[in-house]
Amino acid sequence: MNKSNRDLLVLFNQEMMTPQSIEHEVALLHELLYTIERLENLVTAHEVIDLNKYKVSNKPLVLQKLFRQRVLKPFVFLNCKN
């Protein structure tokens, strides 16, 4: 698995955990986030609200294209369905 560069703030009670167990917990957290942040999972959980065209879309190809853009057009919003 490719370890991405991310800053995580993880709070542990260090008196109860050894450094090896803390590293193990951080590795498990990274694996969980890697799975959740996949594009297929993001597409499933979001929809696009386009106020320019007055449309709501949840088509996977439209969402994938929108997630890959750096900047959204004005009045185009990503809505989390959760």
N, C-alpha and C. Protein backbone atom coordinates (compact mmCIF):
# COMPACT_ATOMS: atom_id res chain seq x y z
N MET A 1 0.84 -1.18 0.00
CA MET A 1 0.00 0.00 0.00
C MET A 1 0.88 1.24 0.00
N ASN A 2 0.53 2.18 -0.81
CA ASN A 2 1.28 3.43 -0.91
C ASN A 2 0.92 4.32 0.27
N LYS A 3 1.91 4.70 1.04
CA LYS A 3 1.66 5.58 2.18
C LYS A 3 1.69 7.02 1.70
N SER A 4 0.56 7.67 1.79
CA SER A 4 0.50 9.06 1.35
C SER A 4 1.01 9.97 2.46
N ASN A 5 1.40 11.16 2.07
CA ASN A 5 1.83 12.15 3.05
C ASN A 5 0.60 12.84 3.59
N ARG A 6 0.31 12.61 4.83
CA ARG A 6 -0.82 13.27 5.46
C ARG A 6 -0.46 13.57 6.90
N ASP A 7 -1.07 14.61 7.42
CA ASP A 7 -0.87 14.97 8.81
C ASP A 7 -2.06 14.46 9.59
N LEU A 8 -1.81 13.59 10.53
CA LEU A 8 -2.86 13.06 11.39
C LEU A 8 -2.57 13.49 12.83
N LEU A 9 -3.59 13.94 13.48
CA LEU A 9 -3.48 14.23 14.90
C LEU A 9 -4.21 13.12 15.63
N VAL A 10 -3.46 12.26 16.28
CA VAL A 10 -4.03 11.11 16.97
C VAL A 10 -3.69 11.26 18.45
N LEU A 11 -4.71 11.25 19.27
CA LEU A 11 -4.51 11.39 20.71
C LEU A 11 -4.65 10.04 21.39
N PHE A 12 -3.61 9.65 22.10
CA PHE A 12 -3.60 8.39 22.83
C PHE A 12 -3.19 8.67 24.27
N ASN A 13 -3.60 7.79 25.14
CA ASN A 13 -3.10 7.81 26.51
C ASN A 13 -1.80 7.02 26.50
N GLN A 14 -0.68 7.73 26.50
CA GLN A 14 0.61 7.09 26.33
C GLN A 14 1.01 6.22 27.52
N GLU A 15 0.38 6.43 28.66
CA GLU A 15 0.72 5.61 29.82
C GLU A 15 0.24 4.18 29.63
N MET A 16 -0.82 4.00 28.85
CA MET A 16 -1.41 2.67 28.68
C MET A 16 -0.91 1.95 27.43
N MET A 17 -0.24 2.67 26.52
CA MET A 17 0.16 2.06 25.25
C MET A 17 1.66 2.18 25.06
N THR A 18 2.22 1.14 24.46
CA THR A 18 3.64 1.17 24.12
C THR A 18 3.82 1.88 22.77
N PRO A 19 5.00 2.33 22.45
CA PRO A 19 5.22 2.98 21.15
C PRO A 19 4.89 2.06 19.96
N GLN A 20 5.13 0.75 20.11
CA GLN A 20 4.81 -0.17 19.04
C GLN A 20 3.29 -0.27 18.84
N SER A 21 2.52 -0.27 19.90
CA SER A 21 1.07 -0.35 19.77
C SER A 21 0.50 0.95 19.19
N ILE A 22 1.12 2.07 19.51
CA ILE A 22 0.69 3.35 18.92
C ILE A 22 0.95 3.34 17.42
N GLU A 23 2.13 2.87 16.99
CA GLU A 23 2.44 2.77 15.57
C GLU A 23 1.47 1.83 14.86
N HIS A 24 1.11 0.75 15.52
CA HIS A 24 0.15 -0.20 14.95
C HIS A 24 -1.22 0.45 14.77
N GLU A 25 -1.68 1.20 15.75
CA GLU A 25 -2.97 1.89 15.66
C GLU A 25 -2.97 2.94 14.55
N VAL A 26 -1.87 3.66 14.40
CA VAL A 26 -1.77 4.67 13.33
C VAL A 26 -1.77 3.99 11.96
N ALA A 27 -1.10 2.84 11.85
CA ALA A 27 -1.10 2.10 10.59
C ALA A 27 -2.50 1.61 10.25
N LEU A 28 -3.25 1.14 11.24
CA LEU A 28 -4.63 0.70 11.00
C LEU A 28 -5.52 1.87 10.61
N LEU A 29 -5.30 3.03 11.22
CA LEU A 29 -6.07 4.22 10.87
C LEU A 29 -5.77 4.65 9.44
N HIS A 30 -4.50 4.59 9.04
CA HIS A 30 -4.13 4.94 7.68
C HIS A 30 -4.79 3.98 6.69
N GLU A 31 -4.80 2.70 6.99
CA GLU A 31 -5.42 1.71 6.11
C GLU A 31 -6.92 1.95 5.99
N LEU A 32 -7.57 2.30 7.08
CA LEU A 32 -9.00 2.60 7.06
C LEU A 32 -9.28 3.82 6.19
N LEU A 33 -8.51 4.89 6.36
CA LEU A 33 -8.70 6.10 5.56
C LEU A 33 -8.40 5.86 4.09
N TYR A 34 -7.41 5.04 3.80
CA TYR A 34 -7.07 4.71 2.42
C TYR A 34 -8.25 4.01 1.73
N THR A 35 -8.92 3.13 2.44
CA THR A 35 -10.07 2.42 1.89
C THR A 35 -11.26 3.35 1.71
N ILE A 36 -11.52 4.19 2.67
CA ILE A 36 -12.68 5.07 2.63
C ILE A 36 -12.53 6.15 1.56
N GLU A 37 -11.32 6.64 1.36
CA GLU A 37 -11.11 7.76 0.45
C GLU A 37 -10.95 7.35 -1.01
N ARG A 38 -11.22 6.08 -1.34
CA ARG A 38 -11.16 5.66 -2.74
C ARG A 38 -12.25 6.39 -3.53
N LEU A 39 -11.97 6.64 -4.80
CA LEU A 39 -12.88 7.40 -5.65
C LEU A 39 -14.25 6.73 -5.77
N GLU A 40 -14.28 5.41 -5.85
CA GLU A 40 -15.55 4.70 -5.98
C GLU A 40 -16.44 4.93 -4.76
N ASN A 41 -15.84 4.96 -3.59
CA ASN A 41 -16.61 5.19 -2.37
C ASN A 41 -17.08 6.63 -2.26
N LEU A 42 -16.26 7.57 -2.70
CA LEU A 42 -16.68 8.98 -2.69
C LEU A 42 -17.82 9.22 -3.67
N VAL A 43 -17.74 8.59 -4.84
CA VAL A 43 -18.80 8.74 -5.84
C VAL A 43 -20.12 8.20 -5.31
N THR A 44 -20.07 7.10 -4.59
CA THR A 44 -21.27 6.50 -4.04
C THR A 44 -21.93 7.40 -3.00
N ALA A 45 -21.14 8.14 -2.26
CA ALA A 45 -21.66 8.92 -1.13
C ALA A 45 -22.00 10.36 -1.47
N HIS A 46 -21.77 10.80 -2.71
CA HIS A 46 -22.00 12.21 -3.07
C HIS A 46 -22.94 12.35 -4.25
N GLU A 47 -23.45 13.56 -4.41
CA GLU A 47 -24.20 13.94 -5.59
C GLU A 47 -23.82 15.37 -5.95
N VAL A 48 -24.08 15.76 -7.21
CA VAL A 48 -23.74 17.08 -7.70
C VAL A 48 -25.01 17.90 -7.80
N ILE A 49 -24.96 19.09 -7.24
CA ILE A 49 -26.07 20.04 -7.38
C ILE A 49 -25.55 21.18 -8.25
N ASP A 50 -26.12 21.28 -9.45
CA ASP A 50 -25.72 22.31 -10.41
C ASP A 50 -26.83 23.34 -10.50
N LEU A 51 -26.62 24.49 -9.86
CA LEU A 51 -27.64 25.54 -9.88
C LEU A 51 -27.64 26.32 -11.18
N ASN A 52 -26.61 26.19 -11.99
CA ASN A 52 -26.60 26.83 -13.30
C ASN A 52 -27.60 26.17 -14.24
N LYS A 53 -27.71 24.84 -14.15
CA LYS A 53 -28.61 24.08 -15.01
C LYS A 53 -29.85 23.59 -14.25
N TYR A 54 -29.92 23.88 -12.96
CA TYR A 54 -31.02 23.42 -12.10
C TYR A 54 -31.16 21.90 -12.16
N LYS A 55 -30.03 21.20 -11.96
CA LYS A 55 -30.03 19.74 -12.01
C LYS A 55 -29.30 19.17 -10.80
N VAL A 56 -29.77 18.01 -10.39
CA VAL A 56 -29.09 17.21 -9.37
C VAL A 56 -28.71 15.91 -10.05
N SER A 57 -27.43 15.55 -9.96
CA SER A 57 -26.95 14.37 -10.65
C SER A 57 -26.19 13.48 -9.67
N ASN A 58 -26.39 12.19 -9.81
CA ASN A 58 -25.60 11.23 -9.04
C ASN A 58 -25.00 10.17 -9.96
N LYS A 59 -24.80 10.54 -11.22
CA LYS A 59 -24.18 9.63 -12.19
C LYS A 59 -22.69 9.50 -11.87
N PRO A 60 -22.18 8.27 -11.86
CA PRO A 60 -20.77 8.05 -11.49
C PRO A 60 -19.77 8.78 -12.37
N LEU A 61 -20.00 8.82 -13.68
CA LEU A 61 -19.03 9.48 -14.56
C LEU A 61 -18.98 10.98 -14.33
N VAL A 62 -20.12 11.59 -14.09
CA VAL A 62 -20.17 13.03 -13.82
C VAL A 62 -19.46 13.34 -12.51
N LEU A 63 -19.69 12.51 -11.51
CA LEU A 63 -19.05 12.72 -10.21
C LEU A 63 -17.54 12.50 -10.28
N GLN A 64 -17.10 11.48 -10.99
CA GLN A 64 -15.66 11.23 -11.12
C GLN A 64 -14.97 12.41 -11.80
N LYS A 65 -15.60 12.93 -12.84
CA LYS A 65 -15.03 14.08 -13.54
C LYS A 65 -14.94 15.28 -12.61
N LEU A 66 -15.98 15.48 -11.81
CA LEU A 66 -16.01 16.62 -10.90
C LEU A 66 -14.98 16.49 -9.78
N PHE A 67 -14.79 15.27 -9.26
CA PHE A 67 -13.80 15.06 -8.20
C PHE A 67 -12.38 15.29 -8.70
N ARG A 68 -12.13 15.06 -9.98
CA ARG A 68 -10.79 15.24 -10.53
C ARG A 68 -10.46 16.69 -10.84
N GLN A 69 -11.46 17.55 -10.87
CA GLN A 69 -11.22 18.96 -11.14
C GLN A 69 -10.61 19.63 -9.91
N ARG A 70 -9.75 20.57 -10.15
CA ARG A 70 -9.14 21.31 -9.04
C ARG A 70 -10.10 22.34 -8.47
N VAL A 71 -10.83 23.04 -9.36
CA VAL A 71 -11.72 24.11 -8.94
C VAL A 71 -13.10 23.86 -9.55
N LEU A 72 -14.13 23.98 -8.74
CA LEU A 72 -15.49 23.82 -9.24
C LEU A 72 -15.98 25.11 -9.87
N LYS A 73 -16.88 24.97 -10.82
CA LYS A 73 -17.51 26.16 -11.42
C LYS A 73 -18.38 26.83 -10.36
N PRO A 74 -18.67 28.11 -10.53
CA PRO A 74 -19.56 28.78 -9.59
C PRO A 74 -20.94 28.13 -9.57
N PHE A 75 -21.51 28.00 -8.40
CA PHE A 75 -22.83 27.45 -8.17
C PHE A 75 -22.97 25.99 -8.56
N VAL A 76 -21.86 25.26 -8.50
CA VAL A 76 -21.87 23.80 -8.64
C VAL A 76 -21.34 23.27 -7.32
N PHE A 77 -22.17 22.44 -6.66
CA PHE A 77 -21.86 21.99 -5.31
C PHE A 77 -21.82 20.47 -5.23
N LEU A 78 -20.93 19.96 -4.39
CA LEU A 78 -20.93 18.55 -4.04
C LEU A 78 -21.70 18.39 -2.74
N ASN A 79 -22.67 17.50 -2.77
CA ASN A 79 -23.50 17.27 -1.61
C ASN A 79 -23.27 15.85 -1.11
N CYS A 80 -22.95 15.69 0.16
CA CYS A 80 -22.78 14.37 0.75
C CYS A 80 -24.16 13.83 1.12
N LYS A 81 -24.47 12.63 0.63
CA LYS A 81 -25.80 12.06 0.86
C LYS A 81 -25.91 11.43 2.24
N ASN A 82 -24.83 11.37 2.98
CA ASN A 82 -24.89 10.74 4.31
C ASN A 82 -25.54 11.66 5.28
